[in-house]
Amino acid sequence: MYINIKVYLHSKGTKFLQSGSFPVPNSDYKKDPDWAGAVAAYGWIQQIKNNYAASADFRID
């Protein structure tokens, strides 16, 4: 199963949308869809922070 995630990034006075589609094991999703989605989202957001967080005013919505 795949889940879609969209976040807005704010940096240096600019706002832009970033989205992605991520695999989630069916068994995990059936047990607790919120948790499975949160795990996938957390990993992806950590990657974004590592790539874009150089700006002091950076934030993710």
C-alpha atoms as a PDB file:
ATOM      1  CA  MET A   1       0.000   0.000   0.000  1.00  0.00           C
ATOM      2  CA  TYR A   2       1.149   3.559  -0.671  1.00  0.00           C
ATOM      3  CA  ILE A   3       0.272   6.712   1.209  1.00  0.00           C
ATOM      4  CA  ASN A   4       0.515  10.253  -0.126  1.00  0.00           C
ATOM      5  CA  ILE A   5       1.959  13.027   2.000  1.00  0.00           C
ATOM      6  CA  LYS A   6       1.938  16.780   1.277  1.00  0.00           C
ATOM      7  CA  VAL A   7       3.699  19.420   3.348  1.00  0.00           C
ATOM      8  CA  TYR A   8       4.297  23.138   2.963  1.00  0.00           C
ATOM      9  CA  LEU A   9       7.867  24.320   3.450  1.00  0.00           C
ATOM     10  CA  HIS A  10       8.673  27.899   4.438  1.00  0.00           C
ATOM     11  CA  SER A  11      12.158  29.259   3.930  1.00  0.00           C
ATOM     12  CA  LYS A  12      13.564  32.727   3.297  1.00  0.00           C
ATOM     13  CA  GLY A  13      10.100  34.231   2.889  1.00  0.00           C
ATOM     14  CA  THR A  14       9.019  31.636   0.339  1.00  0.00           C
ATOM     15  CA  LYS A  15       6.327  28.999   0.764  1.00  0.00           C
ATOM     16  CA  PHE A  16       6.288  25.894  -1.431  1.00  0.00           C
ATOM     17  CA  LEU A  17       4.560  22.533  -1.523  1.00  0.00           C
ATOM     18  CA  GLN A  18       6.420  19.239  -1.446  1.00  0.00           C
ATOM     19  CA  SER A  19       4.658  15.913  -1.785  1.00  0.00           C
ATOM     20  CA  GLY A  20       5.583  12.273  -1.974  1.00  0.00           C
ATOM     21  CA  SER A  21       4.177   8.754  -2.145  1.00  0.00           C
ATOM     22  CA  PHE A  22       5.559   6.132   0.212  1.00  0.00           C
ATOM     23  CA  PRO A  23       5.121   2.393   0.654  1.00  0.00           C
ATOM     24  CA  VAL A  24       3.603   1.152   3.892  1.00  0.00           C
ATOM     25  CA  PRO A  25       3.367  -2.569   4.690  1.00  0.00           C
ATOM     26  CA  ASN A  26      -0.251  -3.745   4.393  1.00  0.00           C
ATOM     27  CA  SER A  27      -0.085  -5.616   7.693  1.00  0.00           C
ATOM     28  CA  ASP A  28       1.083  -2.489   9.560  1.00  0.00           C
ATOM     29  CA  TYR A  29      -1.579  -0.360   7.897  1.00  0.00           C
ATOM     30  CA  LYS A  30      -4.358  -2.805   8.769  1.00  0.00           C
ATOM     31  CA  LYS A  31      -3.259  -2.892  12.430  1.00  0.00           C
ATOM     32  CA  ASP A  32      -2.987   0.873  12.873  1.00  0.00           C
ATOM     33  CA  PRO A  33      -3.223   3.129   9.795  1.00  0.00           C
ATOM     34  CA  ASP A  34      -2.395   6.303  11.728  1.00  0.00           C
ATOM     35  CA  TRP A  35       0.790   4.826  13.180  1.00  0.00           C
ATOM     36  CA  ALA A  36       1.939   3.372   9.842  1.00  0.00           C
ATOM     37  CA  GLY A  37       1.387   6.730   8.154  1.00  0.00           C
ATOM     38  CA  ALA A  38       3.142   8.585  10.953  1.00  0.00           C
ATOM     39  CA  VAL A  39       6.225   6.375  10.683  1.00  0.00           C
ATOM     40  CA  ALA A  40       6.468   6.976   6.922  1.00  0.00           C
ATOM     41  CA  ALA A  41       5.873  10.722   7.335  1.00  0.00           C
ATOM     42  CA  TYR A  42       8.454  11.062  10.109  1.00  0.00           C
ATOM     43  CA  GLY A  43      11.211   9.463   8.035  1.00  0.00           C
ATOM     44  CA  TRP A  44      10.424  11.654   5.045  1.00  0.00           C
ATOM     45  CA  ILE A  45      10.234  14.853   7.107  1.00  0.00           C
ATOM     46  CA  GLN A  46      13.617  14.071   8.672  1.00  0.00           C
ATOM     47  CA  GLN A  47      15.096  13.827   5.162  1.00  0.00           C
ATOM     48  CA  ILE A  48      13.570  17.185   4.231  1.00  0.00           C
ATOM     49  CA  LYS A  49      14.992  18.795   7.372  1.00  0.00           C
ATOM     50  CA  ASN A  50      18.458  17.448   6.572  1.00  0.00           C
ATOM     51  CA  ASN A  51      18.277  18.800   3.013  1.00  0.00           C
ATOM     52  CA  TYR A  52      16.624  22.207   3.526  1.00  0.00           C
ATOM     53  CA  ALA A  53      17.015  23.314   7.124  1.00  0.00           C
ATOM     54  CA  ALA A  54      20.051  25.541   6.530  1.00  0.00           C
ATOM     55  CA  SER A  55      17.878  28.654   6.730  1.00  0.00           C
ATOM     56  CA  ALA A  56      17.186  30.059  10.211  1.00  0.00           C
ATOM     57  CA  ASP A  57      13.518  30.732   9.352  1.00  0.00           C
ATOM     58  CA  PHE A  58      12.848  27.241   7.910  1.00  0.00           C
ATOM     59  CA  ARG A  59       9.676  25.472   9.008  1.00  0.00           C
ATOM     60  CA  ILE A  60       7.394  22.670   7.841  1.00  0.00           C
ATOM     61  CA  ASP A  61       3.588  22.828   8.010  1.00  0.00           C
END
